[in-house]
């Protein structure tokens, strides 16, 4: 990020209000919740990764339209995979929800300047889609926890169910996102 762009981002951030402030708080807090859940699930964490996540998260607050958020999610995922042995732990759902909040807040903060006013319709639309994704995550975790209780040699049922859920969610999101214009 150039110094000029950083100054512009800080200037815009200094004028934040309402939803803009809430989104920046969610961007800051949600990766930290993910790191905390990883520590609780594993009993320990990787301090170097956690410090890098904190620094990059602060960068995301200033410039949510950058690709730094992808690195944050990647580092949280790497720490999770390296530290947590139980795939069916409820902490995985907490991490999934907090990463959903992070992603949605980053995307929403990229839509308009921090001082922009959000209409109630915009807020409802973002929240409705975020909650749908959280519900899908909860359903996937519940299916995995149920399958984990049984001694099944393969998780093909879980993979099939997850891919089907993702396909349905993608179609549902696509129908409300793309506007082909008036039909003739």
N, C-alpha and C. Protein backbone atom coordinates (compact mmCIF):
# COMPACT_ATOMS: atom_id res chain seq x y z
N UNK A 1 0.85 -1.17 0.00
CA UNK A 1 0.00 0.00 0.00
C UNK A 1 0.90 1.23 0.00
N UNK A 2 0.63 2.13 -0.91
CA UNK A 2 1.43 3.34 -1.00
C UNK A 2 1.10 4.27 0.16
N UNK A 3 2.03 5.17 0.44
CA UNK A 3 1.82 6.09 1.55
C UNK A 3 0.62 7.01 1.28
N UNK A 4 0.46 7.39 0.02
CA UNK A 4 -0.67 8.25 -0.35
C UNK A 4 -2.01 7.54 -0.10
N UNK A 5 -2.07 6.27 -0.49
CA UNK A 5 -3.31 5.51 -0.28
C UNK A 5 -3.56 5.28 1.22
N UNK A 6 -2.50 5.05 1.98
CA UNK A 6 -2.63 4.88 3.42
C UNK A 6 -3.18 6.14 4.06
N UNK A 7 -2.65 7.29 3.67
CA UNK A 7 -3.15 8.56 4.23
C UNK A 7 -4.61 8.78 3.86
N UNK A 8 -4.98 8.45 2.63
CA UNK A 8 -6.37 8.60 2.21
C UNK A 8 -7.28 7.66 3.01
N UNK A 9 -6.84 6.43 3.23
CA UNK A 9 -7.63 5.46 3.99
C UNK A 9 -7.79 5.91 5.44
N UNK A 10 -6.72 6.41 6.03
CA UNK A 10 -6.81 6.91 7.41
C UNK A 10 -7.72 8.12 7.50
N UNK A 11 -7.64 9.01 6.48
CA UNK A 11 -8.51 10.19 6.47
C UNK A 11 -9.98 9.76 6.39
N UNK A 12 -10.28 8.80 5.50
CA UNK A 12 -11.65 8.31 5.40
C UNK A 12 -12.10 7.63 6.69
N UNK A 13 -11.21 6.85 7.29
CA UNK A 13 -11.54 6.14 8.53
C UNK A 13 -11.83 7.12 9.67
N UNK A 14 -11.14 8.27 9.67
CA UNK A 14 -11.36 9.25 10.74
C UNK A 14 -12.76 9.86 10.67
N UNK A 15 -13.44 9.74 9.55
CA UNK A 15 -14.79 10.28 9.38
C UNK A 15 -15.87 9.21 9.52
N UNK A 16 -15.48 8.02 9.94
CA UNK A 16 -16.43 6.91 10.05
C UNK A 16 -17.50 7.22 11.08
N UNK A 17 -18.69 6.67 10.81
CA UNK A 17 -19.79 6.81 11.76
C UNK A 17 -20.75 5.65 11.53
N UNK A 18 -21.60 5.41 12.49
CA UNK A 18 -22.66 4.42 12.38
C UNK A 18 -22.17 3.04 11.96
N UNK A 19 -22.71 2.56 10.85
CA UNK A 19 -22.40 1.23 10.35
C UNK A 19 -20.92 1.12 10.00
N UNK A 20 -20.31 2.20 9.51
CA UNK A 20 -18.89 2.18 9.18
C UNK A 20 -18.03 1.83 10.39
N UNK A 21 -18.37 2.38 11.54
CA UNK A 21 -17.63 2.07 12.78
C UNK A 21 -17.90 0.63 13.19
N UNK A 22 -19.17 0.21 13.13
CA UNK A 22 -19.51 -1.16 13.50
C UNK A 22 -18.76 -2.18 12.63
N UNK A 23 -18.70 -1.91 11.34
CA UNK A 23 -17.99 -2.83 10.44
C UNK A 23 -16.51 -2.90 10.79
N UNK A 24 -15.90 -1.76 11.10
CA UNK A 24 -14.47 -1.76 11.46
C UNK A 24 -14.24 -2.51 12.76
N UNK A 25 -15.15 -2.40 13.71
CA UNK A 25 -15.02 -3.14 14.97
C UNK A 25 -15.14 -4.64 14.70
N UNK A 26 -16.09 -5.02 13.85
CA UNK A 26 -16.25 -6.44 13.51
C UNK A 26 -15.01 -6.97 12.78
N UNK A 27 -14.44 -6.16 11.89
CA UNK A 27 -13.22 -6.57 11.19
C UNK A 27 -12.09 -6.80 12.18
N UNK A 28 -12.01 -5.97 13.20
CA UNK A 28 -10.95 -6.09 14.20
C UNK A 28 -11.17 -7.27 15.15
N UNK A 29 -12.39 -7.45 15.60
CA UNK A 29 -12.66 -8.43 16.65
C UNK A 29 -12.79 -9.86 16.13
N UNK A 30 -13.41 -10.05 14.98
CA UNK A 30 -13.72 -11.42 14.55
C UNK A 30 -12.50 -12.31 14.33
N UNK A 31 -11.38 -11.85 13.73
CA UNK A 31 -10.21 -12.74 13.65
C UNK A 31 -9.62 -13.05 15.03
N UNK A 32 -9.72 -12.09 15.93
CA UNK A 32 -9.22 -12.34 17.28
C UNK A 32 -10.06 -13.39 17.99
N UNK A 33 -11.36 -13.40 17.72
CA UNK A 33 -12.23 -14.45 18.25
C UNK A 33 -11.82 -15.81 17.67
N UNK A 34 -11.52 -15.84 16.39
CA UNK A 34 -11.07 -17.08 15.75
C UNK A 34 -9.79 -17.60 16.40
N UNK A 35 -8.85 -16.72 16.63
CA UNK A 35 -7.60 -17.11 17.27
C UNK A 35 -7.87 -17.61 18.69
N UNK A 36 -8.74 -16.92 19.40
CA UNK A 36 -9.09 -17.36 20.76
C UNK A 36 -9.76 -18.72 20.78
N UNK A 37 -10.65 -18.96 19.82
CA UNK A 37 -11.31 -20.26 19.74
C UNK A 37 -10.31 -21.36 19.40
N UNK A 38 -9.35 -21.05 18.57
CA UNK A 38 -8.31 -22.03 18.25
C UNK A 38 -7.50 -22.37 19.50
N UNK A 39 -7.16 -21.35 20.27
CA UNK A 39 -6.43 -21.58 21.52
C UNK A 39 -7.26 -22.42 22.49
N UNK A 40 -8.55 -22.13 22.58
CA UNK A 40 -9.41 -22.90 23.49
C UNK A 40 -9.57 -24.34 23.02
N UNK A 41 -9.65 -24.55 21.71
CA UNK A 41 -9.82 -25.91 21.19
C UNK A 41 -8.55 -26.73 21.32
N UNK A 42 -7.40 -26.09 21.14
CA UNK A 42 -6.13 -26.81 21.15
C UNK A 42 -5.41 -26.77 22.49
N UNK A 43 -5.78 -25.81 23.32
CA UNK A 43 -5.09 -25.65 24.59
C UNK A 43 -3.83 -24.80 24.47
N UNK A 44 -3.49 -24.44 23.24
CA UNK A 44 -2.33 -23.59 22.98
C UNK A 44 -2.47 -23.00 21.59
N UNK A 45 -1.58 -22.10 21.27
CA UNK A 45 -1.60 -21.49 19.94
C UNK A 45 -0.18 -21.29 19.44
N UNK A 46 -0.08 -20.66 18.29
CA UNK A 46 1.23 -20.33 17.73
C UNK A 46 1.37 -18.81 17.82
N UNK A 47 2.12 -18.33 18.83
CA UNK A 47 2.19 -16.88 19.07
C UNK A 47 2.65 -16.07 17.86
N UNK A 48 3.55 -16.59 17.06
CA UNK A 48 4.04 -15.83 15.89
C UNK A 48 2.89 -15.61 14.92
N UNK A 49 2.13 -16.66 14.63
CA UNK A 49 0.99 -16.52 13.72
C UNK A 49 -0.03 -15.56 14.30
N UNK A 50 -0.27 -15.66 15.59
CA UNK A 50 -1.27 -14.80 16.22
C UNK A 50 -0.87 -13.33 16.17
N UNK A 51 0.39 -13.04 16.37
CA UNK A 51 0.86 -11.65 16.28
C UNK A 51 0.74 -11.12 14.85
N UNK A 52 1.06 -11.97 13.88
CA UNK A 52 0.92 -11.55 12.48
C UNK A 52 -0.55 -11.31 12.16
N UNK A 53 -1.45 -12.16 12.66
CA UNK A 53 -2.89 -11.99 12.44
C UNK A 53 -3.35 -10.65 13.02
N UNK A 54 -2.89 -10.32 14.22
CA UNK A 54 -3.29 -9.04 14.84
C UNK A 54 -2.82 -7.87 13.98
N UNK A 55 -1.58 -7.90 13.54
CA UNK A 55 -1.07 -6.81 12.71
C UNK A 55 -1.81 -6.68 11.39
N UNK A 56 -2.04 -7.82 10.74
CA UNK A 56 -2.76 -7.78 9.46
C UNK A 56 -4.21 -7.36 9.64
N UNK A 57 -4.80 -7.74 10.76
CA UNK A 57 -6.18 -7.33 11.04
C UNK A 57 -6.27 -5.81 11.19
N UNK A 58 -5.30 -5.21 11.83
CA UNK A 58 -5.28 -3.75 11.93
C UNK A 58 -5.18 -3.12 10.55
N UNK A 59 -4.41 -3.74 9.67
CA UNK A 59 -4.31 -3.26 8.29
C UNK A 59 -5.67 -3.38 7.59
N UNK A 60 -6.40 -4.44 7.86
CA UNK A 60 -7.72 -4.63 7.26
C UNK A 60 -8.72 -3.58 7.72
N UNK A 61 -8.58 -3.13 8.96
CA UNK A 61 -9.47 -2.08 9.47
C UNK A 61 -9.27 -0.80 8.66
N UNK A 62 -8.01 -0.48 8.36
CA UNK A 62 -7.69 0.74 7.63
C UNK A 62 -8.06 0.62 6.16
N UNK A 63 -7.77 -0.54 5.56
CA UNK A 63 -8.01 -0.73 4.12
C UNK A 63 -8.75 -2.05 3.89
N UNK A 64 -10.07 -2.07 4.10
CA UNK A 64 -10.81 -3.32 3.95
C UNK A 64 -10.93 -3.81 2.51
N UNK A 65 -10.62 -2.95 1.55
CA UNK A 65 -10.72 -3.36 0.15
C UNK A 65 -9.43 -3.97 -0.40
N UNK A 66 -8.47 -4.22 0.49
CA UNK A 66 -7.22 -4.86 0.06
C UNK A 66 -7.38 -6.39 0.16
N UNK A 67 -6.35 -7.09 -0.29
CA UNK A 67 -6.37 -8.55 -0.24
C UNK A 67 -5.75 -9.10 1.04
N UNK A 68 -5.47 -8.24 1.99
CA UNK A 68 -4.84 -8.66 3.23
C UNK A 68 -5.77 -9.58 4.03
N UNK A 69 -7.07 -9.39 3.89
CA UNK A 69 -8.04 -10.24 4.59
C UNK A 69 -7.89 -11.70 4.21
N UNK A 70 -7.54 -11.96 2.97
CA UNK A 70 -7.30 -13.33 2.52
C UNK A 70 -6.14 -13.96 3.29
N UNK A 71 -5.10 -13.19 3.53
CA UNK A 71 -3.95 -13.69 4.28
C UNK A 71 -4.35 -13.96 5.74
N UNK A 72 -5.18 -13.10 6.30
CA UNK A 72 -5.66 -13.31 7.67
C UNK A 72 -6.42 -14.64 7.76
N UNK A 73 -7.35 -14.87 6.85
CA UNK A 73 -8.12 -16.11 6.86
C UNK A 73 -7.20 -17.32 6.66
N UNK A 74 -6.24 -17.19 5.77
CA UNK A 74 -5.29 -18.27 5.51
C UNK A 74 -4.47 -18.59 6.76
N UNK A 75 -3.98 -17.58 7.46
CA UNK A 75 -3.19 -17.81 8.67
C UNK A 75 -4.03 -18.42 9.79
N UNK A 76 -5.26 -17.95 9.95
CA UNK A 76 -6.15 -18.55 10.96
C UNK A 76 -6.40 -20.01 10.61
N UNK A 77 -6.62 -20.30 9.34
CA UNK A 77 -6.85 -21.69 8.93
C UNK A 77 -5.63 -22.56 9.14
N UNK A 78 -4.45 -22.04 8.82
CA UNK A 78 -3.22 -22.81 9.03
C UNK A 78 -3.03 -23.11 10.51
N UNK A 79 -3.24 -22.11 11.35
CA UNK A 79 -3.10 -22.35 12.79
C UNK A 79 -4.10 -23.40 13.26
N UNK A 80 -5.33 -23.30 12.76
CA UNK A 80 -6.36 -24.27 13.16
C UNK A 80 -5.95 -25.69 12.75
N UNK A 81 -5.54 -25.85 11.51
CA UNK A 81 -5.17 -27.17 11.01
C UNK A 81 -3.95 -27.73 11.74
N UNK A 82 -3.02 -26.86 12.10
CA UNK A 82 -1.80 -27.32 12.78
C UNK A 82 -2.04 -27.66 14.25
N UNK A 83 -3.00 -27.01 14.87
CA UNK A 83 -3.12 -27.14 16.32
C UNK A 83 -4.28 -28.02 16.79
N UNK A 84 -5.38 -28.05 16.08
CA UNK A 84 -6.59 -28.73 16.57
C UNK A 84 -6.69 -30.11 15.95
N UNK A 85 -6.82 -31.11 16.82
CA UNK A 85 -6.89 -32.50 16.36
C UNK A 85 -8.32 -33.01 16.20
N UNK A 86 -9.27 -32.44 16.93
CA UNK A 86 -10.65 -32.92 16.92
C UNK A 86 -11.45 -32.19 15.84
N UNK A 87 -11.80 -32.86 14.74
CA UNK A 87 -12.52 -32.17 13.67
C UNK A 87 -13.97 -31.85 14.03
N UNK A 88 -14.51 -32.50 15.04
CA UNK A 88 -15.92 -32.30 15.38
C UNK A 88 -16.12 -31.41 16.60
N UNK A 89 -15.08 -30.72 17.03
CA UNK A 89 -15.21 -29.86 18.19
C UNK A 89 -16.17 -28.68 17.89
N UNK A 90 -16.97 -28.31 18.86
CA UNK A 90 -17.85 -27.15 18.65
C UNK A 90 -17.08 -25.85 18.39
N UNK A 91 -15.82 -25.81 18.77
CA UNK A 91 -15.02 -24.61 18.51
C UNK A 91 -14.86 -24.37 17.02
N UNK A 92 -14.94 -25.43 16.22
CA UNK A 92 -14.83 -25.23 14.77
C UNK A 92 -16.00 -24.42 14.25
N UNK A 93 -17.16 -24.60 14.83
CA UNK A 93 -18.32 -23.78 14.45
C UNK A 93 -18.11 -22.32 14.84
N UNK A 94 -17.54 -22.10 16.01
CA UNK A 94 -17.27 -20.73 16.45
C UNK A 94 -16.25 -20.05 15.53
N UNK A 95 -15.24 -20.79 15.11
CA UNK A 95 -14.25 -20.24 14.18
C UNK A 95 -14.91 -19.94 12.83
N UNK A 96 -15.75 -20.85 12.36
CA UNK A 96 -16.43 -20.63 11.07
C UNK A 96 -17.32 -19.40 11.12
N UNK A 97 -18.06 -19.23 12.19
CA UNK A 97 -18.94 -18.07 12.32
C UNK A 97 -18.12 -16.78 12.41
N UNK A 98 -17.04 -16.80 13.16
CA UNK A 98 -16.25 -15.57 13.29
C UNK A 98 -15.57 -15.22 11.96
N UNK A 99 -15.15 -16.22 11.19
CA UNK A 99 -14.57 -15.93 9.88
C UNK A 99 -15.64 -15.45 8.90
N UNK A 100 -16.86 -15.95 9.05
CA UNK A 100 -17.97 -15.44 8.24
C UNK A 100 -18.22 -13.97 8.54
N UNK A 101 -18.23 -13.63 9.81
CA UNK A 101 -18.42 -12.23 10.21
C UNK A 101 -17.29 -11.37 9.65
N UNK A 102 -16.05 -11.87 9.75
CA UNK A 102 -14.90 -11.12 9.22
C UNK A 102 -15.05 -10.88 7.72
N UNK A 103 -15.36 -11.93 6.99
CA UNK A 103 -15.49 -11.80 5.54
C UNK A 103 -16.63 -10.85 5.16
N UNK A 104 -17.77 -11.01 5.80
CA UNK A 104 -18.92 -10.16 5.48
C UNK A 104 -18.64 -8.70 5.84
N UNK A 105 -17.98 -8.47 6.97
CA UNK A 105 -17.67 -7.10 7.38
C UNK A 105 -16.66 -6.47 6.42
N UNK A 106 -15.67 -7.25 5.99
CA UNK A 106 -14.69 -6.73 5.02
C UNK A 106 -15.39 -6.37 3.71
N UNK A 107 -16.25 -7.27 3.24
CA UNK A 107 -16.95 -7.01 1.98
C UNK A 107 -17.87 -5.80 2.11
N UNK A 108 -18.60 -5.71 3.21
CA UNK A 108 -19.52 -4.59 3.40
C UNK A 108 -18.77 -3.27 3.55
N UNK A 109 -17.63 -3.31 4.23
CA UNK A 109 -16.84 -2.09 4.40
C UNK A 109 -16.24 -1.63 3.08
N UNK A 110 -16.10 -2.54 2.15
CA UNK A 110 -15.54 -2.20 0.83
C UNK A 110 -16.57 -1.58 -0.10
N UNK A 111 -17.84 -1.68 0.25
CA UNK A 111 -18.92 -1.21 -0.62
C UNK A 111 -19.01 0.31 -0.64
N UNK A 112 -18.77 0.94 0.49
CA UNK A 112 -18.97 2.38 0.59
C UNK A 112 -17.94 2.97 1.55
N UNK A 113 -17.73 4.28 1.49
CA UNK A 113 -16.81 4.92 2.43
C UNK A 113 -17.30 4.74 3.87
N UNK A 114 -16.40 4.84 4.85
CA UNK A 114 -16.79 4.62 6.25
C UNK A 114 -17.87 5.58 6.75
N UNK A 115 -17.98 6.75 6.17
CA UNK A 115 -18.97 7.72 6.62
C UNK A 115 -20.31 7.59 5.91
N UNK A 116 -20.42 6.65 4.99
CA UNK A 116 -21.67 6.49 4.23
C UNK A 116 -22.80 6.02 5.14
N UNK A 117 -23.98 6.47 4.82
CA UNK A 117 -25.17 6.01 5.55
C UNK A 117 -25.70 4.75 4.88
N UNK A 118 -26.01 3.78 5.67
CA UNK A 118 -26.57 2.51 5.17
C UNK A 118 -28.07 2.56 5.37
N UNK A 119 -28.79 2.21 4.33
CA UNK A 119 -30.24 2.14 4.46
C UNK A 119 -30.59 0.85 5.21
N UNK A 120 -31.76 0.83 5.85
CA UNK A 120 -32.17 -0.40 6.52
C UNK A 120 -32.24 -1.60 5.58
N UNK A 121 -32.62 -1.36 4.33
CA UNK A 121 -32.70 -2.46 3.36
C UNK A 121 -31.31 -3.04 3.09
N UNK A 122 -30.30 -2.19 2.98
CA UNK A 122 -28.94 -2.68 2.77
C UNK A 122 -28.48 -3.51 3.96
N UNK A 123 -28.72 -3.01 5.14
CA UNK A 123 -28.31 -3.73 6.35
C UNK A 123 -29.00 -5.08 6.45
N UNK A 124 -30.31 -5.10 6.18
CA UNK A 124 -31.05 -6.38 6.24
C UNK A 124 -30.51 -7.37 5.22
N UNK A 125 -30.21 -6.90 4.03
CA UNK A 125 -29.72 -7.81 2.99
C UNK A 125 -28.38 -8.43 3.39
N UNK A 126 -27.45 -7.62 3.88
CA UNK A 126 -26.15 -8.15 4.31
C UNK A 126 -26.31 -9.10 5.48
N UNK A 127 -27.14 -8.74 6.44
CA UNK A 127 -27.33 -9.62 7.61
C UNK A 127 -28.02 -10.91 7.22
N UNK A 128 -29.01 -10.85 6.36
CA UNK A 128 -29.74 -12.05 5.94
C UNK A 128 -28.79 -13.04 5.26
N UNK A 129 -27.97 -12.55 4.38
CA UNK A 129 -27.02 -13.44 3.68
C UNK A 129 -25.95 -13.97 4.63
N UNK A 130 -25.50 -13.16 5.54
CA UNK A 130 -24.49 -13.62 6.50
C UNK A 130 -25.08 -14.69 7.42
N UNK A 131 -26.30 -14.47 7.88
CA UNK A 131 -26.94 -15.47 8.75
C UNK A 131 -27.22 -16.77 8.00
N UNK A 132 -27.54 -16.67 6.71
CA UNK A 132 -27.74 -17.89 5.92
C UNK A 132 -26.45 -18.69 5.84
N UNK A 133 -25.33 -18.01 5.65
CA UNK A 133 -24.05 -18.70 5.60
C UNK A 133 -23.69 -19.29 6.96
N UNK A 134 -23.98 -18.58 8.03
CA UNK A 134 -23.73 -19.11 9.37
C UNK A 134 -24.60 -20.34 9.63
N UNK A 135 -25.84 -20.31 9.19
CA UNK A 135 -26.73 -21.47 9.35
C UNK A 135 -26.21 -22.67 8.55
N UNK A 136 -25.69 -22.41 7.34
CA UNK A 136 -25.12 -23.49 6.54
C UNK A 136 -23.89 -24.07 7.24
N UNK A 137 -23.10 -23.20 7.84
CA UNK A 137 -21.92 -23.67 8.59
C UNK A 137 -22.35 -24.53 9.77
N UNK A 138 -23.39 -24.09 10.47
CA UNK A 138 -23.89 -24.87 11.60
C UNK A 138 -24.43 -26.22 11.15
N UNK A 139 -25.13 -26.23 10.03
CA UNK A 139 -25.64 -27.50 9.51
C UNK A 139 -24.53 -28.43 9.10
N UNK A 140 -23.49 -27.89 8.47
CA UNK A 140 -22.35 -28.72 8.07
C UNK A 140 -21.64 -29.27 9.30
N UNK A 141 -21.45 -28.42 10.32
CA UNK A 141 -20.82 -28.90 11.55
C UNK A 141 -21.68 -29.98 12.21
N UNK A 142 -22.99 -29.77 12.26
CA UNK A 142 -23.88 -30.77 12.88
C UNK A 142 -23.80 -32.10 12.14
N UNK A 143 -23.77 -32.04 10.82
CA UNK A 143 -23.64 -33.28 10.04
C UNK A 143 -22.31 -33.95 10.32
N UNK A 144 -21.26 -33.16 10.39
CA UNK A 144 -19.94 -33.73 10.66
C UNK A 144 -19.87 -34.31 12.06
N UNK A 145 -20.46 -33.62 13.03
CA UNK A 145 -20.46 -34.13 14.40
C UNK A 145 -21.25 -35.44 14.49
N UNK A 146 -22.36 -35.51 13.76
CA UNK A 146 -23.15 -36.75 13.75
C UNK A 146 -22.38 -37.89 13.09
N UNK A 147 -21.73 -37.59 11.99
CA UNK A 147 -20.94 -38.63 11.30
C UNK A 147 -19.75 -39.03 12.15
N UNK A 148 -19.16 -38.08 12.87
CA UNK A 148 -17.99 -38.37 13.69
C UNK A 148 -18.32 -39.33 14.84
N UNK A 149 -19.57 -39.30 15.29
CA UNK A 149 -19.99 -40.20 16.38
C UNK A 149 -20.01 -41.65 15.92
N UNK A 150 -20.27 -41.85 14.63
CA UNK A 150 -20.27 -43.20 14.07
C UNK A 150 -18.88 -43.49 13.54
N UNK A 151 -18.50 -44.73 13.54
CA UNK A 151 -17.19 -45.09 13.05
C UNK A 151 -17.29 -45.42 11.56
N UNK A 152 -17.30 -44.39 10.76
CA UNK A 152 -17.39 -44.55 9.31
C UNK A 152 -15.97 -44.43 8.75
N UNK A 153 -15.63 -45.32 7.89
CA UNK A 153 -14.27 -45.34 7.36
C UNK A 153 -13.97 -44.13 6.48
N UNK A 154 -14.96 -43.59 5.84
CA UNK A 154 -14.73 -42.48 4.93
C UNK A 154 -15.75 -41.38 5.22
N UNK A 155 -15.39 -40.17 4.88
CA UNK A 155 -16.32 -39.06 5.09
C UNK A 155 -16.96 -38.64 3.77
N UNK A 156 -17.19 -39.58 2.88
CA UNK A 156 -17.77 -39.25 1.58
C UNK A 156 -19.18 -38.69 1.73
N UNK A 157 -19.91 -39.15 2.72
CA UNK A 157 -21.26 -38.63 2.96
C UNK A 157 -21.18 -37.15 3.33
N UNK A 158 -20.24 -36.82 4.20
CA UNK A 158 -20.07 -35.42 4.62
C UNK A 158 -19.64 -34.55 3.45
N UNK A 159 -18.71 -35.03 2.66
CA UNK A 159 -18.24 -34.24 1.52
C UNK A 159 -19.38 -34.03 0.53
N UNK A 160 -20.15 -35.07 0.26
CA UNK A 160 -21.27 -34.95 -0.67
C UNK A 160 -22.31 -33.96 -0.15
N UNK A 161 -22.65 -34.09 1.13
CA UNK A 161 -23.64 -33.18 1.72
C UNK A 161 -23.12 -31.74 1.72
N UNK A 162 -21.84 -31.55 2.02
CA UNK A 162 -21.27 -30.20 2.04
C UNK A 162 -21.25 -29.59 0.65
N UNK A 163 -20.85 -30.36 -0.34
CA UNK A 163 -20.83 -29.84 -1.70
C UNK A 163 -22.24 -29.51 -2.19
N UNK A 164 -23.19 -30.33 -1.84
CA UNK A 164 -24.58 -30.06 -2.21
C UNK A 164 -25.07 -28.78 -1.54
N UNK A 165 -24.77 -28.63 -0.25
CA UNK A 165 -25.17 -27.42 0.47
C UNK A 165 -24.51 -26.18 -0.13
N UNK A 166 -23.23 -26.29 -0.48
CA UNK A 166 -22.54 -25.16 -1.10
C UNK A 166 -23.14 -24.80 -2.46
N UNK A 167 -23.49 -25.82 -3.24
CA UNK A 167 -24.09 -25.56 -4.55
C UNK A 167 -25.43 -24.86 -4.41
N UNK A 168 -26.24 -25.32 -3.47
CA UNK A 168 -27.55 -24.71 -3.24
C UNK A 168 -27.37 -23.28 -2.74
N UNK A 169 -26.44 -23.08 -1.81
CA UNK A 169 -26.21 -21.73 -1.29
C UNK A 169 -25.69 -20.80 -2.39
N UNK A 170 -24.81 -21.31 -3.25
CA UNK A 170 -24.30 -20.51 -4.36
C UNK A 170 -25.40 -20.10 -5.32
N UNK A 171 -26.29 -21.03 -5.63
CA UNK A 171 -27.41 -20.70 -6.52
C UNK A 171 -28.35 -19.69 -5.86
N UNK A 172 -28.58 -19.87 -4.57
CA UNK A 172 -29.45 -18.94 -3.85
C UNK A 172 -28.84 -17.54 -3.84
N UNK A 173 -27.55 -17.45 -3.57
CA UNK A 173 -26.89 -16.14 -3.53
C UNK A 173 -26.83 -15.52 -4.92
N UNK A 174 -26.60 -16.34 -5.94
CA UNK A 174 -26.50 -15.85 -7.31
C UNK A 174 -27.82 -15.26 -7.79
N UNK A 175 -28.94 -15.87 -7.41
CA UNK A 175 -30.24 -15.38 -7.86
C UNK A 175 -30.53 -13.97 -7.37
N UNK A 176 -30.03 -13.60 -6.21
CA UNK A 176 -30.29 -12.26 -5.70
C UNK A 176 -29.19 -11.26 -6.01
N UNK A 177 -28.11 -11.72 -6.60
CA UNK A 177 -26.95 -10.84 -6.81
C UNK A 177 -26.93 -10.25 -8.21
N UNK A 178 -27.09 -11.06 -9.21
CA UNK A 178 -26.96 -10.61 -10.58
C UNK A 178 -28.31 -10.09 -11.09
N UNK A 179 -28.28 -8.91 -11.66
CA UNK A 179 -29.48 -8.34 -12.22
C UNK A 179 -29.29 -8.23 -13.73
N UNK A 180 -30.03 -9.02 -14.45
CA UNK A 180 -29.88 -9.04 -15.91
C UNK A 180 -30.60 -7.88 -16.56
N UNK A 181 -31.25 -7.05 -15.79
CA UNK A 181 -31.99 -5.93 -16.35
C UNK A 181 -33.41 -6.35 -16.67
N UNK A 182 -34.17 -5.44 -17.26
CA UNK A 182 -35.57 -5.79 -17.58
C UNK A 182 -35.65 -6.87 -18.65
N UNK A 183 -36.58 -7.75 -18.47
CA UNK A 183 -36.79 -8.82 -19.45
C UNK A 183 -37.72 -8.33 -20.54
N UNK A 184 -37.44 -8.78 -21.73
CA UNK A 184 -38.27 -8.34 -22.87
C UNK A 184 -39.08 -9.48 -23.40
